[in-house]
Amino acid sequence: MTEKDVQQLGEAIEHLDKAKTILKRVQIEISSELFRLENKKEKR
């Protein structure tokens, strides 16, 4: 593996980490939205 390969791998891993962070945020938002909708249903 050349130094460039290693560098590209490092960059790819960084991008994946960022994507994972974004996905976690989205997942939390979806969960809280679903929770809110469930609560609305029960109040009726």
C-alpha atoms as a PDB file:
ATOM      1  CA  MET A   1       0.000   0.000   0.000  1.00  0.00           C
ATOM      2  CA  THR A   2       1.389   3.358  -0.991  1.00  0.00           C
ATOM      3  CA  GLU A   3       1.261   6.476   1.131  1.00  0.00           C
ATOM      4  CA  LYS A   4      -1.424   7.843  -1.193  1.00  0.00           C
ATOM      5  CA  ASP A   5      -3.587   4.744  -0.615  1.00  0.00           C
ATOM      6  CA  VAL A   6      -3.278   5.203   3.118  1.00  0.00           C
ATOM      7  CA  GLN A   7      -4.190   8.889   2.798  1.00  0.00           C
ATOM      8  CA  GLN A   8      -7.249   8.076   0.677  1.00  0.00           C
ATOM      9  CA  LEU A   9      -8.361   5.457   3.178  1.00  0.00           C
ATOM     10  CA  GLY A  10      -8.042   7.983   5.976  1.00  0.00           C
ATOM     11  CA  GLU A  11     -10.162  10.462   4.042  1.00  0.00           C
ATOM     12  CA  ALA A  12     -12.776   7.818   3.283  1.00  0.00           C
ATOM     13  CA  ILE A  13     -12.980   6.912   6.972  1.00  0.00           C
ATOM     14  CA  GLU A  14     -13.422  10.602   7.855  1.00  0.00           C
ATOM     15  CA  HIS A  15     -16.296  10.894   5.386  1.00  0.00           C
ATOM     16  CA  LEU A  16     -17.919   7.773   6.818  1.00  0.00           C
ATOM     17  CA  ASP A  17     -17.608   9.153  10.345  1.00  0.00           C
ATOM     18  CA  LYS A  18     -19.294  12.386   9.270  1.00  0.00           C
ATOM     19  CA  ALA A  19     -22.055  10.436   7.522  1.00  0.00           C
ATOM     20  CA  LYS A  20     -22.549   8.298  10.634  1.00  0.00           C
ATOM     21  CA  THR A  21     -22.895  11.414  12.783  1.00  0.00           C
ATOM     22  CA  ILE A  22     -25.503  12.852  10.402  1.00  0.00           C
ATOM     23  CA  LEU A  23     -27.415   9.570  10.314  1.00  0.00           C
ATOM     24  CA  LYS A  24     -27.475   9.393  14.124  1.00  0.00           C
ATOM     25  CA  ARG A  25     -28.909  12.914  14.232  1.00  0.00           C
ATOM     26  CA  VAL A  26     -31.574  11.999  11.666  1.00  0.00           C
ATOM     27  CA  GLN A  27     -32.394   8.823  13.571  1.00  0.00           C
ATOM     28  CA  ILE A  28     -32.884  10.788  16.787  1.00  0.00           C
ATOM     29  CA  GLU A  29     -35.133  13.288  14.999  1.00  0.00           C
ATOM     30  CA  ILE A  30     -37.239  10.496  13.489  1.00  0.00           C
ATOM     31  CA  SER A  31     -37.516   8.742  16.856  1.00  0.00           C
ATOM     32  CA  SER A  32     -38.675  11.860  18.651  1.00  0.00           C
ATOM     33  CA  GLU A  33     -41.135  12.644  15.852  1.00  0.00           C
ATOM     34  CA  LEU A  34     -42.613   9.140  16.061  1.00  0.00           C
ATOM     35  CA  PHE A  35     -42.814   9.449  19.834  1.00  0.00           C
ATOM     36  CA  ARG A  36     -44.641  12.762  19.466  1.00  0.00           C
ATOM     37  CA  LEU A  37     -47.118  11.269  16.981  1.00  0.00           C
ATOM     38  CA  GLU A  38     -47.778   8.278  19.250  1.00  0.00           C
ATOM     39  CA  ASN A  39     -48.521  10.622  22.153  1.00  0.00           C
ATOM     40  CA  LYS A  40     -50.926  12.623  19.972  1.00  0.00           C
ATOM     41  CA  LYS A  41     -52.819   9.437  19.076  1.00  0.00           C
ATOM     42  CA  GLU A  42     -53.208   8.399  22.711  1.00  0.00           C
ATOM     43  CA  LYS A  43     -54.584  11.778  23.772  1.00  0.00           C
ATOM     44  CA  ARG A  44     -57.565  11.482  21.397  1.00  0.00           C
END
